[in-house]
Amino acid sequence: MTTDLTSVLGGTRLVPVLSVPDPASAARLADALAEGGARCAEVTFRTPAAEEVLKTMATHGGLTVGAGTVLTPERAERAVAAGARFVVSPGFDADVVARCRALDVPVVPGVATATELMAALRSGIDTVKLFPAEALGGPRMLAALAAPFPRARFVPTGGIGFAQLPDYLTRPEVVAVGGSWMATPDLLARGDFTTIRRLTTEAVERSRV
């Protein structure tokens, strides 16, 4: 799955993670992210509007859009039908993984322990989401998990900000980093797309380590 995911992400190592309450802001948000240099985004299913937001953002020609917080096979189906090019889950669920495989879409399940990572690897998944990365110990936890599992690749997400990006991206087992600071709910509520574009530009530049 690593090859499929990296191909879908187009080589980018930064994934803006979005919780968007108002679908009316989706098109302008997609523009701001793309103008800031982002090449992908993850729309989380944490708001009632998530599916509509995903549909709108998936039509943007400059972004590869995936779905996050996918907890069930049914949600995976809805996400892919809405245009998701990849699926992310906060934990490992074998049924979600199986449905994504049937849908021929890359899936990145979350892990927080060695036991969960072993389950993911046994299922044939080699790229996982370390979540919540900072709360688990950040790069030190990442290094501890990577050592006994050299074929595992990670997309650390959760509590990561601008300052921590290089700490993760300099590690060879990290495919990309997910973060929400570029488009916070507060910025979205204010419609501050200028700041979203600026923060995205800064993050994209910092991700080129």
N, C-alpha and C. Protein backbone atom coordinates (compact mmCIF):
# COMPACT_ATOMS: atom_id res chain seq x y z
N MET A 1 0.81 -1.21 0.00
CA MET A 1 0.00 0.00 0.00
C MET A 1 0.86 1.27 0.00
N THR A 2 2.15 1.19 0.37
CA THR A 2 2.97 2.39 0.40
C THR A 2 3.04 3.03 -0.98
N THR A 3 3.31 2.21 -2.00
CA THR A 3 3.43 2.74 -3.35
C THR A 3 2.14 3.41 -3.79
N ASP A 4 1.02 2.77 -3.51
CA ASP A 4 -0.26 3.35 -3.90
C ASP A 4 -0.50 4.68 -3.20
N LEU A 5 -0.20 4.75 -1.91
CA LEU A 5 -0.45 5.98 -1.16
C LEU A 5 0.47 7.09 -1.65
N THR A 6 1.75 6.82 -1.78
CA THR A 6 2.67 7.87 -2.21
C THR A 6 2.34 8.34 -3.62
N SER A 7 1.86 7.42 -4.45
CA SER A 7 1.45 7.81 -5.79
C SER A 7 0.25 8.74 -5.73
N VAL A 8 -0.72 8.41 -4.89
CA VAL A 8 -1.91 9.23 -4.75
C VAL A 8 -1.55 10.60 -4.19
N LEU A 9 -0.64 10.63 -3.22
CA LEU A 9 -0.26 11.90 -2.60
C LEU A 9 0.65 12.74 -3.51
N GLY A 10 1.16 12.16 -4.57
CA GLY A 10 1.95 12.91 -5.52
C GLY A 10 3.27 13.42 -4.97
N GLY A 11 3.81 12.70 -4.00
CA GLY A 11 5.10 13.08 -3.44
C GLY A 11 5.04 14.11 -2.34
N THR A 12 3.87 14.68 -2.07
CA THR A 12 3.77 15.66 -1.00
C THR A 12 3.96 14.99 0.36
N ARG A 13 4.52 15.71 1.31
CA ARG A 13 4.76 15.15 2.64
C ARG A 13 3.98 15.91 3.71
N LEU A 14 3.00 16.69 3.28
CA LEU A 14 2.18 17.46 4.21
C LEU A 14 0.71 17.24 3.87
N VAL A 15 -0.07 16.83 4.86
CA VAL A 15 -1.49 16.57 4.65
C VAL A 15 -2.30 17.46 5.59
N PRO A 16 -2.89 18.56 5.11
CA PRO A 16 -3.80 19.34 5.94
C PRO A 16 -5.01 18.49 6.34
N VAL A 17 -5.29 18.47 7.64
CA VAL A 17 -6.40 17.68 8.16
C VAL A 17 -7.52 18.64 8.54
N LEU A 18 -8.69 18.46 7.94
CA LEU A 18 -9.73 19.48 7.97
C LEU A 18 -11.01 18.98 8.64
N SER A 19 -11.57 19.80 9.51
CA SER A 19 -12.91 19.59 10.05
C SER A 19 -13.73 20.81 9.67
N VAL A 20 -14.57 20.66 8.66
CA VAL A 20 -15.24 21.82 8.05
C VAL A 20 -16.74 21.76 8.35
N PRO A 21 -17.26 22.70 9.14
CA PRO A 21 -18.67 22.66 9.50
C PRO A 21 -19.62 23.20 8.44
N ASP A 22 -19.12 24.08 7.58
CA ASP A 22 -19.99 24.76 6.62
C ASP A 22 -19.58 24.41 5.20
N PRO A 23 -20.40 23.67 4.47
CA PRO A 23 -20.02 23.29 3.11
C PRO A 23 -19.86 24.49 2.17
N ALA A 24 -20.44 25.63 2.53
CA ALA A 24 -20.33 26.81 1.68
C ALA A 24 -18.89 27.32 1.62
N SER A 25 -18.07 26.93 2.60
CA SER A 25 -16.68 27.38 2.62
C SER A 25 -15.73 26.42 1.89
N ALA A 26 -16.23 25.30 1.42
CA ALA A 26 -15.36 24.25 0.90
C ALA A 26 -14.57 24.69 -0.33
N ALA A 27 -15.21 25.36 -1.26
CA ALA A 27 -14.53 25.76 -2.49
C ALA A 27 -13.44 26.78 -2.21
N ARG A 28 -13.73 27.76 -1.37
CA ARG A 28 -12.72 28.78 -1.04
C ARG A 28 -11.58 28.16 -0.22
N LEU A 29 -11.91 27.21 0.62
CA LEU A 29 -10.87 26.51 1.38
C LEU A 29 -9.95 25.75 0.45
N ALA A 30 -10.51 25.04 -0.50
CA ALA A 30 -9.69 24.30 -1.47
C ALA A 30 -8.78 25.25 -2.24
N ASP A 31 -9.31 26.40 -2.64
CA ASP A 31 -8.49 27.38 -3.35
C ASP A 31 -7.35 27.87 -2.47
N ALA A 32 -7.64 28.19 -1.21
CA ALA A 32 -6.61 28.72 -0.31
C ALA A 32 -5.50 27.70 -0.08
N LEU A 33 -5.87 26.45 0.11
CA LEU A 33 -4.86 25.41 0.32
C LEU A 33 -3.99 25.23 -0.92
N ALA A 34 -4.63 25.16 -2.08
CA ALA A 34 -3.88 24.97 -3.32
C ALA A 34 -2.99 26.17 -3.62
N GLU A 35 -3.50 27.38 -3.39
CA GLU A 35 -2.69 28.58 -3.62
C GLU A 35 -1.51 28.64 -2.66
N GLY A 36 -1.67 28.03 -1.48
CA GLY A 36 -0.57 27.97 -0.52
C GLY A 36 0.44 26.88 -0.82
N GLY A 37 0.18 26.08 -1.84
CA GLY A 37 1.13 25.05 -2.24
C GLY A 37 0.78 23.64 -1.81
N ALA A 38 -0.33 23.47 -1.08
CA ALA A 38 -0.75 22.12 -0.71
C ALA A 38 -1.18 21.35 -1.95
N ARG A 39 -0.94 20.05 -1.93
CA ARG A 39 -1.32 19.22 -3.07
C ARG A 39 -2.33 18.14 -2.67
N CYS A 40 -2.63 18.06 -1.39
CA CYS A 40 -3.63 17.10 -0.94
C CYS A 40 -4.28 17.64 0.33
N ALA A 41 -5.37 17.00 0.74
CA ALA A 41 -6.05 17.39 1.98
C ALA A 41 -6.89 16.21 2.45
N GLU A 42 -7.10 16.15 3.74
CA GLU A 42 -7.93 15.11 4.34
C GLU A 42 -9.15 15.76 4.99
N VAL A 43 -10.32 15.45 4.49
CA VAL A 43 -11.57 15.96 5.06
C VAL A 43 -12.08 14.93 6.06
N THR A 44 -12.11 15.31 7.32
CA THR A 44 -12.53 14.36 8.35
C THR A 44 -14.04 14.32 8.47
N PHE A 45 -14.55 13.13 8.77
CA PHE A 45 -15.98 12.94 8.99
C PHE A 45 -16.29 13.24 10.46
N ARG A 46 -16.02 14.50 10.83
CA ARG A 46 -16.29 14.94 12.20
C ARG A 46 -17.40 15.98 12.25
N THR A 47 -17.93 16.34 11.10
CA THR A 47 -19.02 17.31 11.05
C THR A 47 -20.12 16.74 10.15
N PRO A 48 -21.37 17.16 10.38
CA PRO A 48 -22.47 16.68 9.53
C PRO A 48 -22.27 17.02 8.05
N ALA A 49 -21.50 18.07 7.79
CA ALA A 49 -21.33 18.53 6.41
C ALA A 49 -20.18 17.84 5.69
N ALA A 50 -19.50 16.91 6.35
CA ALA A 50 -18.26 16.36 5.81
C ALA A 50 -18.42 15.79 4.41
N GLU A 51 -19.47 15.04 4.18
CA GLU A 51 -19.62 14.40 2.87
C GLU A 51 -19.80 15.43 1.76
N GLU A 52 -20.58 16.47 2.04
CA GLU A 52 -20.79 17.52 1.04
C GLU A 52 -19.50 18.30 0.81
N VAL A 53 -18.77 18.57 1.90
CA VAL A 53 -17.48 19.26 1.78
C VAL A 53 -16.52 18.44 0.92
N LEU A 54 -16.48 17.15 1.18
CA LEU A 54 -15.61 16.26 0.42
C LEU A 54 -15.96 16.28 -1.07
N LYS A 55 -17.24 16.24 -1.37
CA LYS A 55 -17.67 16.26 -2.78
C LYS A 55 -17.20 17.52 -3.47
N THR A 56 -17.33 18.65 -2.79
CA THR A 56 -16.92 19.93 -3.40
C THR A 56 -15.41 20.00 -3.58
N MET A 57 -14.66 19.65 -2.53
CA MET A 57 -13.21 19.77 -2.59
C MET A 57 -12.59 18.77 -3.55
N ALA A 58 -13.24 17.63 -3.71
CA ALA A 58 -12.71 16.59 -4.61
C ALA A 58 -12.74 17.02 -6.07
N THR A 59 -13.55 18.02 -6.38
CA THR A 59 -13.62 18.49 -7.77
C THR A 59 -12.54 19.52 -8.07
N HIS A 60 -11.78 19.94 -7.06
CA HIS A 60 -10.74 20.94 -7.28
C HIS A 60 -9.57 20.31 -8.05
N GLY A 61 -9.20 20.89 -9.11
CA GLY A 61 -8.17 20.29 -9.95
C GLY A 61 -6.78 20.27 -9.35
N GLY A 62 -6.53 21.10 -8.33
CA GLY A 62 -5.19 21.17 -7.76
C GLY A 62 -4.97 20.38 -6.51
N LEU A 63 -5.98 19.68 -6.04
CA LEU A 63 -5.86 18.94 -4.77
C LEU A 63 -6.28 17.48 -4.93
N THR A 64 -5.53 16.61 -4.27
CA THR A 64 -5.96 15.22 -4.09
C THR A 64 -6.60 15.15 -2.71
N VAL A 65 -7.87 14.78 -2.65
CA VAL A 65 -8.63 14.86 -1.41
C VAL A 65 -8.98 13.46 -0.92
N GLY A 66 -8.71 13.22 0.36
CA GLY A 66 -9.07 11.96 1.00
C GLY A 66 -10.06 12.19 2.13
N ALA A 67 -10.50 11.10 2.73
CA ALA A 67 -11.46 11.16 3.83
C ALA A 67 -10.81 10.67 5.11
N GLY A 68 -11.04 11.38 6.20
CA GLY A 68 -10.51 10.97 7.50
C GLY A 68 -11.62 10.66 8.47
N THR A 69 -11.22 10.11 9.62
CA THR A 69 -12.17 9.68 10.65
C THR A 69 -13.19 8.70 10.06
N VAL A 70 -12.70 7.78 9.25
CA VAL A 70 -13.56 6.76 8.65
C VAL A 70 -13.60 5.57 9.61
N LEU A 71 -14.75 5.34 10.20
CA LEU A 71 -14.88 4.37 11.29
C LEU A 71 -15.56 3.07 10.88
N THR A 72 -16.26 3.07 9.76
CA THR A 72 -17.02 1.90 9.35
C THR A 72 -16.84 1.64 7.86
N PRO A 73 -17.08 0.40 7.42
CA PRO A 73 -17.03 0.13 5.98
C PRO A 73 -18.03 0.97 5.19
N GLU A 74 -19.20 1.19 5.77
CA GLU A 74 -20.22 1.98 5.09
C GLU A 74 -19.74 3.42 4.87
N ARG A 75 -19.07 3.98 5.88
CA ARG A 75 -18.55 5.34 5.72
C ARG A 75 -17.46 5.38 4.66
N ALA A 76 -16.66 4.31 4.59
CA ALA A 76 -15.64 4.25 3.55
C ALA A 76 -16.29 4.28 2.17
N GLU A 77 -17.37 3.55 2.00
CA GLU A 77 -18.07 3.53 0.72
C GLU A 77 -18.60 4.91 0.36
N ARG A 78 -19.21 5.60 1.34
CA ARG A 78 -19.75 6.93 1.09
C ARG A 78 -18.63 7.91 0.75
N ALA A 79 -17.52 7.77 1.43
CA ALA A 79 -16.40 8.68 1.19
C ALA A 79 -15.86 8.52 -0.22
N VAL A 80 -15.68 7.29 -0.65
CA VAL A 80 -15.15 7.04 -2.00
C VAL A 80 -16.16 7.50 -3.05
N ALA A 81 -17.45 7.27 -2.78
CA ALA A 81 -18.47 7.73 -3.71
C ALA A 81 -18.48 9.26 -3.83
N ALA A 82 -18.08 9.92 -2.73
CA ALA A 82 -18.03 11.39 -2.74
C ALA A 82 -16.77 11.93 -3.39
N GLY A 83 -15.82 11.04 -3.70
CA GLY A 83 -14.63 11.48 -4.40
C GLY A 83 -13.33 11.30 -3.66
N ALA A 84 -13.36 10.64 -2.50
CA ALA A 84 -12.12 10.44 -1.73
C ALA A 84 -11.15 9.57 -2.51
N ARG A 85 -9.89 10.01 -2.59
CA ARG A 85 -8.85 9.24 -3.27
C ARG A 85 -8.05 8.37 -2.31
N PHE A 86 -8.20 8.62 -1.01
CA PHE A 86 -7.59 7.77 0.01
C PHE A 86 -8.44 7.87 1.26
N VAL A 87 -8.27 6.90 2.15
CA VAL A 87 -9.10 6.80 3.36
C VAL A 87 -8.18 6.69 4.57
N VAL A 88 -8.50 7.45 5.61
CA VAL A 88 -7.73 7.44 6.85
C VAL A 88 -8.66 7.15 8.01
N SER A 89 -8.20 6.32 8.94
CA SER A 89 -8.98 5.97 10.12
C SER A 89 -8.15 6.21 11.37
N PRO A 90 -8.77 6.60 12.49
CA PRO A 90 -8.00 6.81 13.71
C PRO A 90 -7.50 5.53 14.36
N GLY A 91 -8.06 4.39 13.97
CA GLY A 91 -7.65 3.11 14.52
C GLY A 91 -7.65 2.04 13.45
N PHE A 92 -7.24 0.83 13.85
CA PHE A 92 -7.21 -0.28 12.91
C PHE A 92 -8.50 -1.09 13.00
N ASP A 93 -9.20 -1.20 11.90
CA ASP A 93 -10.42 -2.00 11.80
C ASP A 93 -10.32 -2.85 10.55
N ALA A 94 -10.29 -4.16 10.74
CA ALA A 94 -10.08 -5.06 9.61
C ALA A 94 -11.17 -4.94 8.56
N ASP A 95 -12.41 -4.66 8.99
CA ASP A 95 -13.51 -4.54 8.03
C ASP A 95 -13.37 -3.28 7.18
N VAL A 96 -12.91 -2.20 7.78
CA VAL A 96 -12.68 -0.97 7.01
C VAL A 96 -11.57 -1.20 6.00
N VAL A 97 -10.49 -1.86 6.42
CA VAL A 97 -9.38 -2.15 5.51
C VAL A 97 -9.86 -3.01 4.34
N ALA A 98 -10.64 -4.04 4.65
CA ALA A 98 -11.13 -4.94 3.60
C ALA A 98 -12.02 -4.20 2.60
N ARG A 99 -12.89 -3.32 3.11
CA ARG A 99 -13.77 -2.59 2.20
C ARG A 99 -12.99 -1.63 1.32
N CYS A 100 -11.99 -0.99 1.87
CA CYS A 100 -11.17 -0.08 1.06
C CYS A 100 -10.42 -0.85 -0.02
N ARG A 101 -9.95 -2.03 0.33
CA ARG A 101 -9.28 -2.86 -0.68
C ARG A 101 -10.26 -3.21 -1.80
N ALA A 102 -11.48 -3.56 -1.42
CA ALA A 102 -12.48 -3.91 -2.43
C ALA A 102 -12.80 -2.71 -3.32
N LEU A 103 -12.70 -1.51 -2.73
CA LEU A 103 -12.96 -0.28 -3.47
C LEU A 103 -11.73 0.21 -4.23
N ASP A 104 -10.60 -0.48 -4.03
CA ASP A 104 -9.34 -0.15 -4.69
C ASP A 104 -8.88 1.27 -4.35
N VAL A 105 -8.93 1.60 -3.05
CA VAL A 105 -8.49 2.90 -2.59
C VAL A 105 -7.50 2.71 -1.45
N PRO A 106 -6.39 3.44 -1.42
CA PRO A 106 -5.43 3.31 -0.32
C PRO A 106 -6.09 3.64 1.02
N VAL A 107 -5.74 2.86 2.03
CA VAL A 107 -6.28 3.08 3.37
C VAL A 107 -5.13 3.17 4.36
N VAL A 108 -5.23 4.13 5.27
CA VAL A 108 -4.20 4.37 6.27
C VAL A 108 -4.85 4.25 7.65
N PRO A 109 -4.81 3.06 8.26
CA PRO A 109 -5.41 2.90 9.59
C PRO A 109 -4.51 3.48 10.66
N GLY A 110 -5.12 3.89 11.77
CA GLY A 110 -4.36 4.44 12.88
C GLY A 110 -3.85 3.37 13.82
N VAL A 111 -2.68 3.63 14.41
CA VAL A 111 -2.13 2.75 15.44
C VAL A 111 -1.57 3.62 16.56
N ALA A 112 -1.60 3.06 17.76
CA ALA A 112 -1.02 3.73 18.92
C ALA A 112 -0.12 2.80 19.72
N THR A 113 -0.10 1.52 19.34
CA THR A 113 0.68 0.53 20.08
C THR A 113 1.34 -0.43 19.11
N ALA A 114 2.32 -1.17 19.62
CA ALA A 114 2.98 -2.20 18.81
C ALA A 114 2.00 -3.29 18.42
N THR A 115 1.08 -3.63 19.30
CA THR A 115 0.08 -4.66 18.99
C THR A 115 -0.76 -4.27 17.80
N GLU A 116 -1.22 -3.01 17.77
CA GLU A 116 -2.02 -2.54 16.64
C GLU A 116 -1.19 -2.50 15.36
N LEU A 117 0.07 -2.11 15.47
CA LEU A 117 0.93 -2.09 14.29
C LEU A 117 1.13 -3.49 13.75
N MET A 118 1.31 -4.47 14.63
CA MET A 118 1.46 -5.85 14.18
C MET A 118 0.21 -6.34 13.46
N ALA A 119 -0.96 -5.95 13.97
CA ALA A 119 -2.21 -6.35 13.30
C ALA A 119 -2.30 -5.74 11.91
N ALA A 120 -1.90 -4.48 11.79
CA ALA A 120 -1.93 -3.82 10.49
C ALA A 120 -0.97 -4.49 9.51
N LEU A 121 0.24 -4.77 9.97
CA LEU A 121 1.22 -5.41 9.10
C LEU A 121 0.76 -6.80 8.68
N ARG A 122 0.14 -7.54 9.60
CA ARG A 122 -0.37 -8.88 9.25
C ARG A 122 -1.45 -8.80 8.19
N SER A 123 -2.18 -7.71 8.18
CA SER A 123 -3.26 -7.56 7.20
C SER A 123 -2.74 -7.10 5.84
N GLY A 124 -1.43 -6.83 5.75
CA GLY A 124 -0.86 -6.39 4.49
C GLY A 124 -0.69 -4.89 4.38
N ILE A 125 -1.02 -4.16 5.45
CA ILE A 125 -0.86 -2.71 5.44
C ILE A 125 0.54 -2.37 5.94
N ASP A 126 1.27 -1.55 5.20
CA ASP A 126 2.59 -1.15 5.69
C ASP A 126 2.72 0.35 5.95
N THR A 127 1.68 1.11 5.64
CA THR A 127 1.66 2.54 5.97
C THR A 127 0.51 2.81 6.91
N VAL A 128 0.83 3.32 8.09
CA VAL A 128 -0.17 3.53 9.13
C VAL A 128 -0.11 4.96 9.63
N LYS A 129 -1.17 5.37 10.27
CA LYS A 129 -1.24 6.68 10.90
C LYS A 129 -0.88 6.53 12.37
N LEU A 130 0.19 7.17 12.82
CA LEU A 130 0.50 7.19 14.25
C LEU A 130 -0.37 8.27 14.87
N PHE A 131 -1.30 7.86 15.74
CA PHE A 131 -2.30 8.79 16.26
C PHE A 131 -2.69 8.43 17.69
N PRO A 132 -2.77 9.43 18.59
CA PRO A 132 -2.39 10.84 18.42
C PRO A 132 -0.89 11.02 18.66
N ALA A 133 -0.17 11.43 17.66
CA ALA A 133 1.29 11.35 17.66
C ALA A 133 1.94 12.09 18.83
N GLU A 134 1.61 13.34 19.02
CA GLU A 134 2.27 14.11 20.07
C GLU A 134 1.91 13.59 21.46
N ALA A 135 0.67 13.24 21.67
CA ALA A 135 0.25 12.72 22.97
C ALA A 135 0.91 11.39 23.30
N LEU A 136 1.27 10.63 22.26
CA LEU A 136 1.92 9.34 22.47
C LEU A 136 3.41 9.46 22.76
N GLY A 137 3.98 10.63 22.53
CA GLY A 137 5.41 10.80 22.76
C GLY A 137 6.16 11.36 21.58
N GLY A 138 5.45 11.67 20.50
CA GLY A 138 6.06 12.33 19.36
C GLY A 138 7.12 11.48 18.67
N PRO A 139 8.20 12.12 18.19
CA PRO A 139 9.25 11.41 17.46
C PRO A 139 9.89 10.27 18.26
N ARG A 140 9.95 10.40 19.57
CA ARG A 140 10.54 9.32 20.38
C ARG A 140 9.68 8.07 20.28
N MET A 141 8.36 8.23 20.34
CA MET A 141 7.46 7.08 20.19
C MET A 141 7.57 6.51 18.78
N LEU A 142 7.66 7.38 17.80
CA LEU A 142 7.80 6.95 16.42
C LEU A 142 9.05 6.10 16.23
N ALA A 143 10.17 6.57 16.78
CA ALA A 143 11.42 5.82 16.67
C ALA A 143 11.32 4.47 17.38
N ALA A 144 10.66 4.45 18.53
CA ALA A 144 10.53 3.21 19.29
C ALA A 144 9.70 2.18 18.53
N LEU A 145 8.64 2.63 17.85
CA LEU A 145 7.81 1.71 17.08
C LEU A 145 8.52 1.27 15.79
N ALA A 146 9.24 2.18 15.18
CA ALA A 146 9.87 1.86 13.90
C ALA A 146 11.01 0.85 14.05
N ALA A 147 11.70 0.87 15.18
CA ALA A 147 12.89 0.02 15.34
C ALA A 147 12.61 -1.46 15.12
N PRO A 148 11.59 -2.07 15.77
CA PRO A 148 11.38 -3.50 15.55
C PRO A 148 10.56 -3.83 14.30
N PHE A 149 10.06 -2.79 13.61
CA PHE A 149 9.22 -3.01 12.43
C PHE A 149 9.77 -2.19 11.26
N PRO A 150 10.89 -2.61 10.68
CA PRO A 150 11.57 -1.77 9.68
C PRO A 150 10.79 -1.55 8.40
N ARG A 151 9.80 -2.40 8.10
CA ARG A 151 9.06 -2.17 6.86
C ARG A 151 7.86 -1.24 7.05
N ALA A 152 7.58 -0.87 8.29
CA ALA A 152 6.44 0.02 8.56
C ALA A 152 6.76 1.45 8.14
N ARG A 153 5.78 2.11 7.58
CA ARG A 153 5.87 3.52 7.23
C ARG A 153 4.73 4.26 7.94
N PHE A 154 4.97 5.53 8.25
CA PHE A 154 4.05 6.24 9.14
C PHE A 154 3.60 7.58 8.57
N VAL A 155 2.36 7.94 8.91
CA VAL A 155 1.83 9.28 8.70
C VAL A 155 1.43 9.80 10.08
N PRO A 156 2.36 10.36 10.85
CA PRO A 156 2.02 10.84 12.18
C PRO A 156 1.06 12.03 12.13
N THR A 157 0.07 11.98 12.99
CA THR A 157 -0.98 13.01 13.02
C THR A 157 -1.48 13.13 14.46
N GLY A 158 -1.84 14.35 14.82
CA GLY A 158 -2.43 14.56 16.14
C GLY A 158 -1.55 15.40 17.04
N GLY A 159 -1.90 16.67 17.19
CA GLY A 159 -1.15 17.57 18.04
C GLY A 159 0.11 18.13 17.43
N ILE A 160 0.38 17.81 16.17
CA ILE A 160 1.59 18.30 15.50
C ILE A 160 1.35 19.70 14.96
N GLY A 161 2.31 20.59 15.20
CA GLY A 161 2.23 21.95 14.71
C GLY A 161 3.40 22.28 13.81
N PHE A 162 3.44 23.53 13.39
CA PHE A 162 4.47 24.02 12.47
C PHE A 162 5.87 23.73 13.00
N ALA A 163 6.09 23.97 14.28
CA ALA A 163 7.44 23.85 14.84
C ALA A 163 7.94 22.41 14.86
N GLN A 164 7.02 21.44 14.94
CA GLN A 164 7.44 20.04 15.07
C GLN A 164 7.67 19.34 13.73
N LEU A 165 7.30 19.98 12.62
CA LEU A 165 7.38 19.31 11.32
C LEU A 165 8.74 18.68 11.04
N PRO A 166 9.85 19.42 11.18
CA PRO A 166 11.15 18.80 10.84
C PRO A 166 11.50 17.61 11.71
N ASP A 167 11.05 17.61 12.97
CA ASP A 167 11.34 16.49 13.86
C ASP A 167 10.78 15.18 13.32
N TYR A 168 9.67 15.26 12.62
CA TYR A 168 9.05 14.07 12.04
C TYR A 168 9.57 13.79 10.63
N LEU A 169 9.64 14.83 9.81
CA LEU A 169 9.94 14.62 8.40
C LEU A 169 11.39 14.22 8.14
N THR A 170 12.28 14.44 9.09
CA THR A 170 13.65 13.98 8.91
C THR A 170 13.80 12.49 9.19
N ARG A 171 12.77 11.87 9.70
CA ARG A 171 12.83 10.43 9.97
C ARG A 171 12.50 9.65 8.69
N PRO A 172 13.31 8.65 8.32
CA PRO A 172 13.13 7.98 7.03
C PRO A 172 11.84 7.17 6.92
N GLU A 173 11.27 6.77 8.06
CA GLU A 173 10.06 5.96 8.01
C GLU A 173 8.79 6.80 7.86
N VAL A 174 8.91 8.11 7.86
CA VAL A 174 7.74 8.99 7.76
C VAL A 174 7.45 9.31 6.29
N VAL A 175 6.26 8.95 5.86
CA VAL A 175 5.81 9.23 4.49
C VAL A 175 5.33 10.67 4.38
N ALA A 176 4.51 11.08 5.35
CA ALA A 176 3.95 12.42 5.36
C ALA A 176 3.48 12.72 6.78
N VAL A 177 3.18 13.98 7.04
CA VAL A 177 2.70 14.41 8.34
C VAL A 177 1.34 15.08 8.17
N GLY A 178 0.40 14.73 9.03
CA GLY A 178 -0.91 15.36 9.02
C GLY A 178 -1.01 16.42 10.10
N GLY A 179 -1.65 17.54 9.77
CA GLY A 179 -1.80 18.60 10.76
C GLY A 179 -3.01 19.46 10.46
N SER A 180 -3.58 20.04 11.51
CA SER A 180 -4.80 20.84 11.36
C SER A 180 -4.59 22.32 11.61
N TRP A 181 -3.36 22.74 11.96
CA TRP A 181 -3.16 24.13 12.33
C TRP A 181 -3.30 25.09 11.15
N MET A 182 -3.20 24.59 9.93
CA MET A 182 -3.30 25.47 8.76
C MET A 182 -4.71 25.97 8.50
N ALA A 183 -5.70 25.20 8.94
CA ALA A 183 -7.10 25.58 8.71
C ALA A 183 -7.92 25.15 9.92
N THR A 184 -7.75 25.88 11.00
CA THR A 184 -8.43 25.54 12.25
C THR A 184 -9.92 25.90 12.16
N PRO A 185 -10.74 25.30 13.01
CA PRO A 185 -12.16 25.67 13.03
C PRO A 185 -12.37 27.16 13.24
N ASP A 186 -11.52 27.80 14.04
CA ASP A 186 -11.65 29.24 14.27
C ASP A 186 -11.41 30.03 12.99
N LEU A 187 -10.36 29.68 12.26
CA LEU A 187 -10.09 30.37 11.00
C LEU A 187 -11.22 30.15 10.00
N LEU A 188 -11.74 28.94 9.96
CA LEU A 188 -12.85 28.65 9.05
C LEU A 188 -14.11 29.41 9.45
N ALA A 189 -14.37 29.50 10.75
CA ALA A 189 -15.55 30.22 11.22
C ALA A 189 -15.49 31.71 10.85
N ARG A 190 -14.27 32.27 10.86
CA ARG A 190 -14.09 33.68 10.52
C ARG A 190 -13.98 33.89 9.01
N GLY A 191 -13.86 32.79 8.26
CA GLY A 191 -13.67 32.92 6.82
C GLY A 191 -12.35 33.56 6.47
N ASP A 192 -11.34 33.29 7.29
CA ASP A 192 -10.03 33.92 7.10
C ASP A 192 -9.17 33.07 6.18
N PHE A 193 -9.49 33.09 4.91
CA PHE A 193 -8.78 32.27 3.94
C PHE A 193 -7.41 32.84 3.61
N THR A 194 -7.21 34.13 3.87
CA THR A 194 -5.89 34.72 3.67
C THR A 194 -4.88 34.12 4.63
N THR A 195 -5.28 33.98 5.89
CA THR A 195 -4.39 33.37 6.87
C THR A 195 -4.20 31.89 6.59
N ILE A 196 -5.25 31.22 6.17
CA ILE A 196 -5.12 29.80 5.81
C ILE A 196 -4.11 29.62 4.68
N ARG A 197 -4.19 30.48 3.69
CA ARG A 197 -3.23 30.41 2.58
C ARG A 197 -1.81 30.67 3.07
N ARG A 198 -1.63 31.67 3.94
CA ARG A 198 -0.30 31.99 4.45
C ARG A 198 0.27 30.85 5.28
N LEU A 199 -0.54 30.30 6.19
CA LEU A 199 -0.07 29.20 7.03
C LEU A 199 0.27 27.97 6.20
N THR A 200 -0.50 27.75 5.16
CA THR A 200 -0.22 26.62 4.27
C THR A 200 1.09 26.82 3.54
N THR A 201 1.32 28.03 3.04
CA THR A 201 2.58 28.33 2.35
C THR A 201 3.76 28.09 3.26
N GLU A 202 3.66 28.57 4.50
CA GLU A 202 4.75 28.40 5.46
C GLU A 202 4.99 26.92 5.75
N ALA A 203 3.91 26.17 5.91
CA ALA A 203 4.03 24.75 6.23
C ALA A 203 4.64 23.98 5.06
N VAL A 204 4.22 24.29 3.85
CA VAL A 204 4.76 23.62 2.67
C VAL A 204 6.25 23.88 2.56
N GLU A 205 6.66 25.11 2.78
CA GLU A 205 8.09 25.43 2.73
C GLU A 205 8.87 24.68 3.80
N ARG A 206 8.32 24.62 5.00
CA ARG A 206 9.01 23.95 6.10
C ARG A 206 9.06 22.45 5.91
N SER A 207 8.12 21.91 5.14
CA SER A 207 8.07 20.46 4.92
C SER A 207 9.13 19.99 3.93
N ARG A 208 9.80 20.91 3.28
CA ARG A 208 10.82 20.55 2.29
C ARG A 208 12.17 20.40 2.98
N VAL A 209 12.25 19.39 3.84
CA VAL A 209 13.49 19.16 4.59
C VAL A 209 14.29 18.04 3.93
